[in-house]
Protein backbone atom coordinates (compact mmCIF):
# COMPACT_ATOMS: atom_id res chain seq x y z
CA MET A 1 0.33 0.04 -0.03
CA TYR A 2 1.30 3.35 -1.08
CA LEU A 3 1.31 5.84 1.88
CA PRO A 4 1.99 9.73 1.12
CA ARG A 5 5.83 10.63 2.19
CA SER A 6 4.39 13.19 4.83
CA TRP A 7 2.47 9.86 6.53
CA THR A 8 5.51 8.53 6.86
CA ASP A 9 7.27 11.30 7.78
CA ARG A 10 4.94 11.61 10.51
CA MET A 11 5.41 8.00 11.77
CA PHE A 12 9.23 8.30 11.82
CA SER A 13 8.86 11.13 14.18
CA LEU A 14 6.51 9.72 16.51
CA LEU A 15 8.75 6.01 16.55
CA SER A 16 11.85 9.10 17.32
CA LEU A 17 9.57 10.31 19.94
CA GLY A 18 8.79 7.59 21.85
CA GLY A 19 12.47 6.60 22.10
CA ARG A 20 12.89 10.08 23.11
CA LEU A 21 9.99 9.49 25.92
CA ARG A 22 12.11 6.12 27.17
CA THR A 23 15.51 7.86 27.58
CA VAL A 24 13.76 10.27 29.47
CA ILE A 25 11.72 8.01 31.94
CA VAL A 26 14.76 5.82 32.73
CA VAL A 27 17.07 9.09 33.67
CA LEU A 28 14.04 10.06 35.68
CA VAL A 29 14.31 6.77 37.29
CA VAL A 30 18.00 6.60 37.78
CA ALA A 31 17.93 10.08 39.18
CA GLY A 32 14.92 9.00 41.76
CA LEU A 33 17.04 5.97 42.46
CA LEU A 34 19.64 8.18 43.26
CA GLY A 35 17.90 10.21 45.84
CA GLY A 36 15.35 9.58 48.75
CA GLY A 37 14.05 6.26 46.42
CA ALA A 38 18.01 4.53 46.40
CA PHE A 39 17.63 3.77 50.22
CA ALA A 40 14.46 1.89 49.81
CA ALA A 41 15.80 0.35 46.37
CA GLY A 42 18.69 -1.13 48.14
CA VAL A 43 21.14 1.18 46.04
CA LEU A 44 22.37 3.89 49.00
CA GLY A 45 22.75 3.11 52.43
CA VAL A 46 22.23 5.18 55.37
CA PRO A 47 25.52 6.28 57.28
CA SER A 48 26.04 4.72 60.49
CA VAL A 49 28.29 5.80 63.47
CA ALA A 50 31.10 3.43 63.40
CA GLY A 51 32.98 4.07 66.56
CA VAL A 52 33.33 6.92 69.43
CA GLU A 53 35.87 8.12 71.68
CA ASN A 54 35.88 10.96 74.25
CA ALA A 55 38.97 12.52 76.55
CA PHE A 56 38.97 15.58 78.71
CA GLY A 57 40.49 18.50 77.09
CA PRO A 58 41.50 21.74 78.87
CA VAL A 59 39.91 22.62 82.27
CA ASP A 60 39.31 25.95 84.41
CA GLU A 61 36.83 26.94 87.25
CA ASN A 62 33.89 27.46 85.02
CA THR A 63 34.06 24.48 82.13
CA THR A 64 35.46 21.46 81.33
CA VAL A 65 36.42 20.89 77.91
CA VAL A 66 35.33 17.38 76.52
CA GLU A 67 36.96 15.98 73.23
CA THR A 68 34.87 13.72 70.93
CA ASN A 69 35.84 12.01 67.99
CA LEU A 70 32.95 10.57 66.55
CA THR A 71 33.57 7.67 63.11
CA VAL A 72 30.99 7.72 60.58
CA SER A 73 30.55 5.16 58.06
CA ASN A 74 29.50 5.52 54.85
CA PRO A 75 28.18 2.29 53.03
CA ASN A 76 27.81 3.46 49.84
CA PRO A 77 30.12 2.80 46.35
CA ILE A 78 32.65 4.59 45.12
CA GLY A 79 31.97 7.90 43.49
CA VAL A 80 29.13 8.38 46.08
CA SER A 81 29.19 11.41 48.52
CA LEU A 82 25.98 12.54 50.13
CA GLY A 83 25.72 15.86 51.45
CA GLY A 84 23.53 17.28 54.03
CA VAL A 85 24.28 14.90 56.97
CA THR A 86 24.06 16.08 60.56
CA VAL A 87 25.27 14.19 63.36
CA ASP A 88 24.20 14.47 67.32
CA TYR A 89 26.03 13.64 70.20
CA ASP A 90 25.24 13.51 73.99
CA VAL A 91 27.57 12.34 76.78
CA LEU A 92 26.07 11.81 79.71
CA MET A 93 26.55 10.21 83.29
CA ASN A 94 23.47 8.92 85.57
CA ASP A 95 21.42 10.82 83.07
CA VAL A 96 23.09 13.97 83.90
CA SER A 97 24.33 15.90 80.52
CA LEU A 98 27.81 16.14 80.48
CA ALA A 99 28.66 17.41 77.00
CA ASN A 100 26.63 17.50 73.98
CA GLY A 101 26.66 18.95 70.33
CA SER A 102 25.61 18.58 66.78
CA LYS A 103 27.07 19.17 63.42
CA GLU A 104 25.25 20.11 60.65
CA GLY A 105 25.91 19.97 56.62
CA VAL A 106 28.53 17.19 57.11
CA ALA A 107 29.88 15.52 53.66
CA VAL A 108 30.76 12.10 54.11
CA GLU A 109 33.01 10.44 51.75
CA ARG A 110 32.77 6.36 51.22
CA GLY A 111 34.46 4.76 53.92
CA ASN A 112 34.72 5.58 57.24
CA SER A 113 35.32 9.43 58.32
CA THR A 114 36.30 10.81 61.84
CA LEU A 115 34.38 13.91 63.02
CA ASN A 116 35.70 16.31 65.31
CA PHE A 117 33.59 17.91 68.29
CA THR A 118 34.97 20.48 71.32
CA THR A 119 32.23 20.86 73.68
CA ALA A 120 32.81 23.29 77.08
CA ALA A 121 30.75 21.44 79.58
CA ASN A 122 29.55 23.84 82.76
CA ASN A 123 31.14 22.44 85.62
CA GLU A 124 27.45 23.14 87.51
CA ARG A 125 27.01 20.14 86.38
CA ILE A 126 29.47 17.90 88.26
CA PRO A 127 27.61 18.55 91.97
CA PRO A 128 24.02 17.20 90.04
CA TRP A 129 26.37 14.04 88.87
CA TRP A 130 28.03 13.48 92.37
CA ILE A 131 24.25 13.34 94.00
CA SER A 132 23.23 10.98 91.36
CA HIS A 133 26.41 8.55 92.08
CA VAL A 134 25.85 8.41 96.02
CA ARG A 135 22.20 8.02 95.81
CA ASN A 136 22.75 4.83 93.17
CA ASP A 137 25.09 3.07 95.83
CA GLU A 138 28.44 4.73 94.04
CA GLU A 139 27.23 3.00 90.79
CA THR A 140 27.68 5.62 87.31
CA THR A 141 26.71 4.93 83.72
CA VAL A 142 28.67 6.86 81.30
CA THR A 143 26.32 7.01 77.95
CA VAL A 144 27.35 8.31 74.70
CA ASP A 145 24.30 8.49 72.56
CA THR A 146 24.45 9.52 68.95
CA SER A 147 22.56 9.60 65.93
CA VAL A 148 23.34 10.00 62.18
CA THR A 149 20.19 11.89 59.83
CA SER A 150 20.63 12.39 56.11
CA GLU A 151 18.58 14.72 54.66
CA THR A 152 19.09 13.42 51.08
CA LEU A 153 18.27 10.22 52.01
CA GLY A 154 15.54 10.90 54.64
CA ARG A 155 16.50 8.85 57.56
CA THR A 156 17.91 8.83 60.90
CA VAL A 157 20.11 6.13 61.96
CA ASP A 158 19.99 6.17 66.24
CA PRO A 159 21.84 3.08 67.44
CA PRO A 160 22.27 1.59 71.01
CA ASN A 161 23.81 3.25 73.10
CA VAL A 162 27.16 3.04 74.02
CA THR A 163 27.73 2.65 77.73
CA ARG A 164 30.33 2.16 79.99
CA GLN A 165 29.74 0.91 84.01
CA VAL A 166 31.41 2.02 86.36
CA GLU A 167 31.51 1.58 90.62
CA THR A 168 33.69 3.14 93.28
CA ASP A 169 33.73 2.47 96.86
CA LEU A 170 34.62 5.58 99.09
CA LEU A 171 34.27 4.48 102.46
CA SER A 172 34.98 0.66 102.71
CA GLN A 173 38.50 1.45 103.72
CA PHE A 174 37.23 3.59 106.67
CA ASN A 175 35.90 -0.03 107.93
CA SER A 176 38.50 -1.14 110.64
CA THR A 177 38.88 -3.52 113.85
CA GLU A 178 42.26 -1.63 114.38
CA THR A 179 42.99 -0.93 118.04
CA ARG A 180 44.54 2.51 117.97
CA PRO A 181 45.48 4.65 121.33
CA ILE A 182 44.52 8.09 121.94
CA ASP A 183 46.63 10.30 123.65
CA ALA A 184 45.77 13.75 125.12
CA ASP A 185 49.79 15.02 125.15
CA GLN A 186 48.62 17.15 127.97
CA PRO A 187 51.19 17.86 131.41
CA ALA A 188 48.01 16.87 133.33
CA VAL A 189 46.46 13.47 131.72
CA SER A 190 48.57 10.26 131.13
CA ASP A 191 48.30 8.39 128.14
CA PRO A 192 46.29 7.10 126.50
CA VAL A 193 43.49 8.51 127.30
CA LEU A 194 41.43 6.06 125.41
CA TYR A 195 41.53 3.57 122.53
CA ILE A 196 39.37 3.02 119.13
CA ASN A 197 39.16 -0.43 119.32
CA GLU A 198 36.74 -0.40 115.89
CA THR A 199 35.30 2.54 113.24
CA SER A 200 32.79 2.02 110.45
CA ALA A 201 31.18 4.38 107.87
CA GLN A 202 28.67 4.39 105.73
CA TRP A 203 26.62 6.92 103.43
CA GLY A 204 23.75 8.94 105.03
CA GLU A 205 21.64 11.77 103.60
CA VAL A 206 21.98 12.67 100.35
CA THR A 207 20.48 16.75 99.42
CA ASP A 208 21.04 19.25 96.88
CA SER A 209 23.42 20.73 99.05
CA ARG A 210 25.47 17.93 101.15
CA THR A 211 26.24 14.62 101.54
CA ALA A 212 26.14 13.09 104.79
CA MET A 213 28.82 10.36 105.82
CA ASP A 214 27.61 8.29 109.11
CA LEU A 215 30.82 7.61 111.24
CA THR A 216 30.33 4.86 113.75
CA PHE A 217 33.26 4.00 116.81
CA VAL A 218 33.85 2.04 119.33
CA VAL A 219 35.74 3.57 121.89
CA TYR A 220 37.21 1.77 125.07
CA ASN A 221 37.93 4.08 128.63
CA PRO A 222 41.28 2.69 130.38
CA LYS A 223 40.99 4.67 133.08
CA PRO A 224 39.26 4.43 136.65
CA TYR A 225 36.92 7.20 135.96
CA PRO A 226 34.33 8.28 133.31
CA PHE A 227 34.75 10.74 131.30
CA GLY A 228 32.75 12.46 128.52
CA VAL A 229 33.05 13.47 124.65
CA SER A 230 31.64 16.48 124.21
CA GLU A 231 32.27 17.26 120.78
CA LEU A 232 33.79 15.68 117.60
CA GLY A 233 35.43 17.88 115.03
CA TYR A 234 36.42 16.61 111.47
CA ASP A 235 37.49 18.92 108.31
CA ILE A 236 37.33 16.92 104.83
CA THR A 237 39.73 17.75 101.82
CA MET A 238 40.16 16.30 98.18
CA ASN A 239 43.39 17.72 96.90
CA ASP A 240 43.65 20.44 100.05
CA VAL A 241 39.86 21.78 98.56
CA ALA A 242 38.35 21.82 101.88
CA VAL A 243 34.76 19.81 101.53
CA GLY A 244 33.48 19.58 104.48
CA ASN A 245 34.10 20.67 108.25
CA GLY A 246 32.49 21.12 111.49
CA SER A 247 31.79 19.13 114.29
CA THR A 248 28.66 16.76 115.94
CA GLU A 249 26.37 18.21 118.62
CA SER A 250 25.93 14.54 120.51
CA GLU A 251 27.72 14.16 123.99
CA TYR A 252 29.14 10.83 125.07
CA VAL A 253 29.70 9.54 128.73
CA ILE A 254 32.17 6.58 128.92
CA PRO A 255 32.12 4.41 131.60
CA PRO A 256 35.53 3.68 133.92
CA LYS A 257 36.99 0.08 132.11
CA SER A 258 33.93 0.05 129.61
CA THR A 259 33.92 0.66 125.86
CA GLU A 260 30.62 2.74 123.90
CA THR A 261 30.02 3.20 120.61
CA ILE A 262 30.04 6.85 119.62
CA GLU A 263 28.03 7.78 116.36
CA ALA A 264 28.44 11.10 114.36
CA THR A 265 27.70 11.80 111.04
CA VAL A 266 29.94 14.30 109.27
CA TYR A 267 28.95 16.34 105.83
CA ILE A 268 30.60 17.31 102.36
CA ARG A 269 29.48 20.54 100.83
CA ASN A 270 28.27 19.50 97.27
CA ASP A 271 28.81 22.93 96.50
CA ARG A 272 32.54 22.47 96.52
CA ILE A 273 32.45 19.22 94.43
CA ASP A 274 33.01 21.37 91.02
CA GLU A 275 35.88 22.79 92.96
CA TRP A 276 37.14 19.73 93.60
CA TRP A 277 36.73 18.42 90.04
CA VAL A 278 39.18 20.65 88.60
CA THR A 279 41.76 19.64 90.84
CA HIS A 280 41.14 16.14 89.65
CA LEU A 281 41.56 16.50 86.05
CA GLU A 282 44.28 18.96 86.07
CA ARG A 283 46.23 16.29 88.15
CA ASN A 284 45.61 13.35 85.31
CA GLN A 285 42.42 12.10 87.30
CA VAL A 286 44.29 11.83 90.68
CA THR A 287 43.12 13.09 93.98
CA ASP A 288 44.24 12.66 97.67
CA LEU A 289 41.24 12.24 100.32
CA ARG A 290 41.77 13.32 104.32
CA ILE A 291 39.45 13.23 106.83
CA ASP A 292 41.22 14.99 109.84
CA PHE A 293 39.20 14.43 113.26
CA ASP A 294 39.80 16.01 116.93
CA ALA A 295 37.75 15.66 120.00
CA ARG A 296 36.73 17.39 123.13
CA LEU A 297 37.29 15.42 126.23
CA ASP A 298 36.17 16.20 129.85
CA LEU A 299 38.33 13.96 131.94
CA ALA A 300 37.89 14.82 135.57
CA ASP A 301 38.02 18.17 136.05
CA THR A 302 39.98 18.83 133.26
CA THR A 303 38.59 19.69 129.83
CA VAL A 304 40.73 18.95 126.81
CA ASN A 305 40.66 19.24 123.07
CA VAL A 306 42.73 16.32 121.26
CA PRO A 307 43.96 16.04 117.90
CA LEU A 308 42.70 11.99 116.74
CA ASP A 309 45.50 12.03 114.59
CA SER A 310 45.84 7.90 114.70
CA LEU A 311 42.25 8.58 113.16
CA THR A 312 43.38 10.52 110.08
CA TYR A 313 41.96 8.95 107.16
CA THR A 314 43.81 9.12 103.79
CA GLU A 315 43.16 7.39 100.19
CA THR A 316 44.71 8.31 96.93
CA ILE A 317 41.70 8.32 94.11
CA GLU A 318 42.94 7.44 90.86
CA THR A 319 40.20 7.56 88.08
CA ASP A 320 39.83 7.10 84.17
CA ILE A 321 36.54 7.93 82.99
CA PHE A 322 36.40 7.68 79.48
CA GLY A 323 38.93 5.04 79.19
CA THR A 324 41.51 7.16 77.37
CA LYS A 325 43.31 9.24 79.88
CA PRO A 326 47.16 9.92 78.79
CA THR A 327 49.54 7.41 80.71
CA ASP A 328 51.65 9.88 83.63
CA PRO A 329 55.20 10.10 82.71
CA GLY A 330 56.14 7.87 85.81
CA ALA A 331 54.02 5.20 85.06
CA ASP A 332 54.33 2.26 82.99
CA SER A 333 51.79 1.22 80.14
CA THR A 334 49.92 -0.94 82.25
CA GLY A 335 48.79 1.64 84.68
CA GLU A 336 50.48 4.16 87.78
CA ASN A 337 50.89 1.39 90.09
CA GLY A 338 52.46 -1.35 87.84
CA THR A 339 49.08 -3.28 87.34
CA ASP A 340 46.44 -3.15 84.83
CA ASP A 341 44.23 -1.06 85.47
CA GLY A 342 41.05 -2.00 83.10
CA ALA A 343 41.21 0.13 80.58
CA GLU A 344 38.88 -0.18 77.30
CA SER A 345 40.26 0.78 74.22
CA PRO A 346 39.63 4.46 72.99
CA THR A 347 36.63 2.70 70.29
CA GLU A 348 34.00 1.43 72.34
CA THR A 349 31.97 0.97 69.47
CA PRO A 350 32.36 -1.34 66.03
CA ALA A 351 33.63 -0.26 63.11
CA ASP A 352 32.12 -2.60 60.44
CA GLY A 353 29.76 0.56 59.41
CA THR A 354 26.61 -1.76 60.19
CA ASP A 355 24.20 0.35 61.72
CA THR A 356 23.62 -2.00 64.43
CA GLN A 357 26.20 -1.98 67.05
CA THR A 358 27.09 -4.02 70.16
CA GLU A 359 26.51 -2.13 73.52
CA THR A 360 29.80 -1.99 75.36
CA THR A 361 30.36 -2.78 79.06
CA SER A 362 33.48 -2.70 80.92
CA THR A 363 33.40 -5.28 83.30
CA ASP A 364 37.36 -4.39 84.95
CA ASP A 365 37.37 -1.16 84.63
CA ASP A 366 38.30 0.97 87.97
CA GLY A 367 35.42 3.04 87.82
CA ILE A 368 35.33 6.78 88.63
CA PHE A 369 37.34 6.41 91.98
CA GLY A 370 39.01 3.35 91.52
CA ASP A 371 37.77 0.31 93.52
CA GLY A 372 39.99 0.73 96.19
CA THR A 373 42.61 -2.30 95.81
CA GLU A 374 45.08 -0.22 94.27
CA THR A 375 45.03 3.13 95.42
CA THR A 376 43.82 2.75 98.93
CA SER A 377 46.05 3.26 102.07
CA ALA A 378 45.58 2.74 105.33
CA PRO A 379 45.25 5.34 108.52
CA THR A 380 48.10 7.53 108.35
CA ALA A 381 49.36 6.55 112.40
CA THR A 382 49.94 2.66 113.13
CA PRO A 383 49.90 2.22 116.55
CA THR A 384 52.71 0.77 118.71
CA GLU A 385 50.60 -0.57 121.36
CA THR A 386 49.05 -3.94 120.80
CA ALA A 387 45.77 -3.31 122.47
CA THR A 388 43.02 -5.55 122.05
CA PRO A 389 39.48 -4.24 121.79
CA THR A 390 38.55 -5.23 125.17
CA GLU A 391 38.92 -3.95 128.69
CA THR A 392 42.34 -5.51 128.55
CA ALA A 393 43.64 -2.66 126.32
CA THR A 394 45.74 -1.61 128.89
CA THR A 395 47.12 -3.02 132.17
CA THR A 396 48.00 -0.37 134.53
CA ASP A 397 46.43 3.04 134.53
CA GLY A 398 47.62 6.37 135.65
CA GLY A 399 45.00 8.52 135.98
CA LEU A 400 45.41 12.64 136.77
CA LEU A 401 48.93 13.09 137.86
C-alpha cells in the first residue's frame, strides 16, 4: 500500500519521539534512585556510627572541655558522596548531661570519616552527677548517645547507646577493727586516754546541698573514772580543697574500764564538688582524700581538745572516666601502680559500618574513683601498742598526775 510521504515522515517522528520518551523516563528513574528512593531500592545506605572516643581537654574553674572523635561509616559505593548529613551526640553520666553537640551539613565520603567535636561543659553539672552517683550506691553509667540524619535519604540512624559501667567504693577503707590509742598529750593527763577499737562508715542522707557520711566509733576508756566526749570535729579535703568541716552535737559519757559506741555524722558540701573536680582533672584524674578528726574530752575536772591523729583517714583516688587518659610520665603502660587498670580501648563501638552497634560494658574498669585495691591506703598512724578491743587494752593506769 502506498502512503504519502507526509504520512511516512509523521510515523518516523512518532517512533523517534517514543525513543526519546523512554530515555527521559529511564533518566528520571535513575535520578529517583539516587535520591530518597535509593534507600528503599537498596542502592544507597544511610551512614552509621562506627566508633566514638571521648577525652578531657583543658579545664578551668567554670568549664570542662570534652573532646569527642566520632567515626561515621558510609556504606555507599565509590563516587557517591552524601551531603546534608547531621550528626548529634550526647555524653551523660547517670542521665546527667555532661556534654552534647551537633554538626550539620557534613559531607561523608565513602568508608569511614572521623568527625571532631569540642564541647565546653559547664562545671555546674558536676555536683548533680555526684549526687546521683552516691544515691545510686556509688554506681555511674557513662553513656554516649549518637545519631546520624541524612536529609538526602530522609532517614535517621539512632544506634544503641554506648555505655561504660563504673562503680566506686569510697568508704570501705574506713571500716577497721584495728585498735588505735589516743593520746591527749597534756601535762595533767596520762596517755593514752582512750582506745579506738573499731571504726565504720556508710553514706547517709544525700540532699541537693550536702552529702552525709554516718560514722561509728567503738571507744574503750582505760581510766578508773568516766569521761565525756562533748564534741567531735572534722575536716575533709580533696586535693587540699576543703569540701567539708564542722563538729557533732551529741555528747557521750564513757564509763570507766568500759566501751561505748559513738555515732557521728559528717557532711560533704556539694557546692564544693565542682572546685574539687577541676583539681582532679588537672592532676590527670588523681585525688588525695583526707579526713582529720579532733575531740573535746572531759576528763575528771579537766577539759582538753585532742587531735585524733591516729584516726586520720587518707586515700589516693585515681580514675579514667572515658578510658582514654594519657599515661603518667612516671607510670608504665599498665597503669600508675604497675598493675592493669582495666581501661578499655578508645573505640567502644564496632567499626564494621553496619547500622547495628554492640553495647560495650566494662567489666574490670577501675571506675570513677577506683576499686580501692590499688589506690587506697590504711590510716596514717600505726599504733605501736598491741591492745586488743577489750577491757584488757591496758594493764595499768596512772590517772591524773
